[in-house]
Amino acid sequence: MPATGTAAYGMYTENASLPDIICTLSHAGFDKADICMVLSSTHPMASVVRDARFTGAEPKQNAAGARTIGWFTQFGAVVIPDVGFFVRSQAYLHALLEQGSSPLCGESRILVGLGLSAEEAKRVHSSMADAGALLFVSCSERARAEWAVELLRSTGARDAASVGTSEKENAGFGDTLTVPGQNGERALAAATI
């Protein structure tokens, strides 16, 4: 997991508008370099990358592939098993490779490298084919991770949680949290899915 030690993640169906979700996170103060996307190989954006041709292709197809790849390079990391990966962040590069394998060798290993337990990684991996995308947000502290969880849920994540916090810290989840924000503090009612 990136050096910060805490993070949030959310799983989305393939029809979720990832640009809108990223915009919501950005407006809440989360930097794109702190975000890692793991897309299933069947996700529509994975198809755009897989089918990208920069020579001998139609200009419209070239533009779509170039736009998508350009967008991916703004993030800490984007991983598409069996297709490719883009890594901007040294912390994500280390996290994705620390399990002793390439990011293309098993989604469960990728998820363990990001900080999920082996059991949670297996569960999330088995859901990836249905979910389409997993967004992982590295956070500087627990309160930011819980705020990210709430944002992910509010943008339609069907499964969202934090990692890097102890069981004791997660015991009160579902209570009202006070999260520092850019405009003072905000009280949030944590929803349970």
Protein backbone atom coordinates (compact mmCIF):
# COMPACT_ATOMS: atom_id res chain seq x y z
CA MET A 1 0.00 0.00 0.00
CA PRO A 2 1.21 3.53 -0.58
CA ALA A 3 3.30 4.92 2.25
CA THR A 4 0.42 6.83 3.86
CA GLY A 5 -0.91 3.65 5.50
CA THR A 6 -4.63 4.36 5.09
CA ALA A 7 -6.85 4.27 2.05
CA ALA A 8 -10.39 3.86 0.80
CA TYR A 9 -11.72 1.82 -2.06
CA GLY A 10 -14.99 1.48 -3.92
CA MET A 11 -16.23 -0.94 -6.57
CA TYR A 12 -18.33 0.24 -9.48
CA THR A 13 -20.28 -1.36 -12.29
CA GLU A 14 -18.91 -0.92 -15.77
CA ASN A 15 -21.54 1.71 -16.62
CA ALA A 16 -20.46 4.05 -13.78
CA SER A 17 -19.16 7.39 -15.01
CA LEU A 18 -15.56 7.24 -13.80
CA PRO A 19 -14.76 10.81 -14.95
CA ASP A 20 -17.65 12.14 -12.82
CA ILE A 21 -16.54 10.09 -9.81
CA ILE A 22 -12.96 11.35 -10.19
CA CYS A 23 -14.28 14.92 -10.47
CA THR A 24 -16.17 14.47 -7.19
CA LEU A 25 -13.03 13.18 -5.46
CA SER A 26 -10.93 16.01 -6.92
CA HIS A 27 -13.43 18.66 -5.77
CA ALA A 28 -13.24 17.16 -2.27
CA GLY A 29 -9.47 17.66 -2.23
CA PHE A 30 -8.18 14.24 -3.29
CA ASP A 31 -5.30 14.44 -5.75
CA LYS A 32 -5.44 12.26 -8.87
CA ALA A 33 -1.92 11.05 -8.06
CA ASP A 34 -3.40 9.42 -4.91
CA ILE A 35 -5.92 7.42 -6.94
CA CYS A 36 -5.38 3.96 -8.39
CA MET A 37 -7.94 2.42 -10.75
CA VAL A 38 -8.15 -1.31 -11.34
CA LEU A 39 -10.39 -2.05 -14.33
CA SER A 40 -11.62 -5.48 -15.30
CA SER A 41 -10.38 -6.57 -18.69
CA THR A 42 -14.00 -6.42 -19.92
CA HIS A 43 -14.51 -2.78 -18.87
CA PRO A 44 -15.31 -0.44 -21.83
CA MET A 45 -12.23 1.70 -21.07
CA ALA A 46 -10.08 -1.44 -21.12
CA SER A 47 -11.39 -2.13 -24.62
CA VAL A 48 -10.43 1.39 -25.75
CA VAL A 49 -6.87 0.86 -24.50
CA ARG A 50 -6.64 -2.69 -25.87
CA ASP A 51 -7.89 -1.55 -29.29
CA ALA A 52 -5.79 1.64 -29.42
CA ARG A 53 -3.82 1.99 -32.65
CA PHE A 54 -1.78 5.02 -33.42
CA THR A 55 -0.84 4.12 -36.96
CA GLY A 56 -3.11 2.86 -39.68
CA ALA A 57 -6.31 3.42 -37.73
CA GLU A 58 -9.20 5.79 -38.23
CA PRO A 59 -8.53 9.28 -36.79
CA LYS A 60 -11.59 8.98 -34.52
CA GLN A 61 -10.28 5.70 -33.06
CA ASN A 62 -6.80 7.23 -32.63
CA ALA A 63 -8.28 10.19 -30.75
CA ALA A 64 -10.35 8.02 -28.37
CA GLY A 65 -7.37 5.84 -27.49
CA ALA A 66 -5.07 8.84 -27.04
CA ARG A 67 -7.59 10.66 -24.83
CA THR A 68 -8.13 7.62 -22.60
CA ILE A 69 -4.42 6.88 -22.25
CA GLY A 70 -3.70 10.56 -21.59
CA TRP A 71 -6.37 10.60 -18.88
CA PHE A 72 -4.94 7.43 -17.28
CA THR A 73 -1.49 9.03 -16.98
CA GLN A 74 -2.91 11.63 -14.58
CA PHE A 75 -3.52 8.99 -11.88
CA GLY A 76 -1.19 7.38 -9.39
CA ALA A 77 -1.81 4.11 -11.21
CA VAL A 78 -4.25 2.42 -13.56
CA VAL A 79 -4.11 -1.37 -13.83
CA ILE A 80 -5.98 -3.42 -16.42
CA PRO A 81 -5.05 -7.10 -15.99
CA ASP A 82 -4.20 -8.81 -19.27
CA VAL A 83 -4.10 -5.41 -21.03
CA GLY A 84 -1.56 -3.10 -19.40
CA PHE A 85 -0.83 -0.64 -16.62
CA PHE A 86 0.10 3.00 -16.18
CA VAL A 87 2.00 4.04 -13.05
CA ARG A 88 2.79 7.65 -12.19
CA SER A 89 3.34 7.30 -8.45
CA GLN A 90 6.47 5.72 -6.99
CA ALA A 91 4.39 4.65 -3.97
CA TYR A 92 1.91 2.78 -6.18
CA LEU A 93 4.71 1.25 -8.25
CA HIS A 94 6.25 -0.11 -5.05
CA ALA A 95 2.87 -1.28 -3.71
CA LEU A 96 1.91 -3.04 -6.94
CA LEU A 97 5.25 -4.80 -7.29
CA GLU A 98 6.02 -5.60 -3.66
CA GLN A 99 4.19 -8.93 -3.84
CA GLY A 100 7.01 -10.20 -6.05
CA SER A 101 5.05 -10.29 -9.29
CA SER A 102 4.13 -8.12 -12.23
CA PRO A 103 0.85 -6.16 -11.96
CA LEU A 104 -0.37 -8.31 -14.85
CA CYS A 105 -0.08 -11.56 -12.87
CA GLY A 106 -3.27 -11.85 -10.86
CA GLU A 107 -5.74 -9.27 -9.65
CA SER A 108 -5.73 -10.68 -6.10
CA ARG A 109 -1.99 -10.00 -5.79
CA ILE A 110 -2.54 -6.45 -7.02
CA LEU A 111 -5.20 -5.91 -4.36
CA VAL A 112 -3.01 -7.36 -1.60
CA GLY A 113 -0.25 -5.01 -2.75
CA LEU A 114 -2.66 -2.11 -2.32
CA GLY A 115 -3.31 -3.12 1.27
CA LEU A 116 -6.34 -5.41 1.26
CA SER A 117 -6.11 -8.59 3.32
CA ALA A 118 -5.73 -11.80 1.32
CA GLU A 119 -9.33 -12.75 2.16
CA GLU A 120 -10.71 -9.33 1.17
CA ALA A 121 -8.61 -9.35 -2.02
CA LYS A 122 -10.10 -12.71 -3.05
CA ARG A 123 -13.63 -11.43 -2.39
CA VAL A 124 -13.05 -8.20 -4.32
CA HIS A 125 -11.33 -10.07 -7.16
CA SER A 126 -14.28 -12.43 -7.56
CA SER A 127 -16.58 -9.40 -7.82
CA MET A 128 -14.39 -7.53 -10.32
CA ALA A 129 -15.90 -9.26 -13.35
CA ASP A 130 -19.32 -7.96 -12.31
CA ALA A 131 -18.16 -4.64 -10.86
CA GLY A 132 -16.03 -3.45 -13.73
CA ALA A 133 -13.87 -0.97 -11.80
CA LEU A 134 -12.25 -0.51 -8.43
CA LEU A 135 -11.11 2.94 -7.32
CA PHE A 136 -8.49 3.02 -4.57
CA VAL A 137 -7.69 6.34 -2.86
CA SER A 138 -4.54 6.67 -0.76
CA CYS A 139 -5.16 8.97 2.23
CA SER A 140 -2.93 10.76 4.71
CA GLU A 141 -5.03 9.85 7.74
CA ARG A 142 -7.98 7.71 8.85
CA ALA A 143 -10.48 10.60 8.79
CA ARG A 144 -9.62 11.32 5.15
CA ALA A 145 -10.03 7.63 4.29
CA GLU A 146 -13.48 7.56 5.91
CA TRP A 147 -14.40 10.76 4.04
CA ALA A 148 -13.27 9.10 0.78
CA VAL A 149 -15.44 6.04 1.62
CA GLU A 150 -18.46 8.32 2.01
CA LEU A 151 -17.72 10.06 -1.30
CA LEU A 152 -17.30 6.72 -3.07
CA ARG A 153 -20.63 5.53 -1.67
CA SER A 154 -22.35 8.77 -2.64
CA THR A 155 -21.12 8.34 -6.22
CA GLY A 156 -22.61 4.85 -6.52
CA ALA A 157 -19.93 2.46 -5.27
CA ARG A 158 -21.67 -0.81 -4.59
CA ASP A 159 -18.99 -1.77 -2.09
CA ALA A 160 -16.79 0.76 -0.30
CA ALA A 161 -14.48 0.41 2.69
CA SER A 162 -11.26 1.68 4.18
CA VAL A 163 -8.02 -0.23 4.64
CA GLY A 164 -5.07 0.39 6.88
CA THR A 165 -7.14 0.97 10.01
CA SER A 166 -7.43 -1.48 12.86
CA GLU A 167 -10.55 -3.48 13.68
CA LYS A 168 -10.96 -1.28 16.77
CA GLU A 169 -10.93 1.88 14.62
CA ASN A 170 -13.54 0.39 12.28
CA ALA A 171 -15.77 -0.76 15.18
CA GLY A 172 -17.61 2.56 15.36
CA PHE A 173 -18.20 2.75 11.62
CA GLY A 174 -21.79 3.64 10.96
CA ASP A 175 -21.80 6.33 13.64
CA THR A 176 -21.68 10.01 12.80
CA LEU A 177 -18.17 11.05 11.82
CA THR A 178 -16.75 14.54 11.95
CA VAL A 179 -14.41 14.92 9.00
CA PRO A 180 -12.18 17.94 8.52
CA GLY A 181 -12.92 19.60 5.20
CA GLN A 182 -11.73 22.56 3.23
CA ASN A 183 -14.53 24.75 4.61
CA GLY A 184 -14.40 23.72 8.26
CA GLU A 185 -15.72 20.48 9.66
CA ARG A 186 -18.58 18.46 8.23
CA ALA A 187 -20.71 15.94 10.11
CA LEU A 188 -21.51 12.84 8.09
CA ALA A 189 -23.90 10.02 8.78
CA ALA A 190 -22.06 6.89 7.63
CA ALA A 191 -24.29 4.64 5.59
CA THR A 192 -23.88 0.90 5.62
CA ILE A 193 -24.40 -0.98 2.39
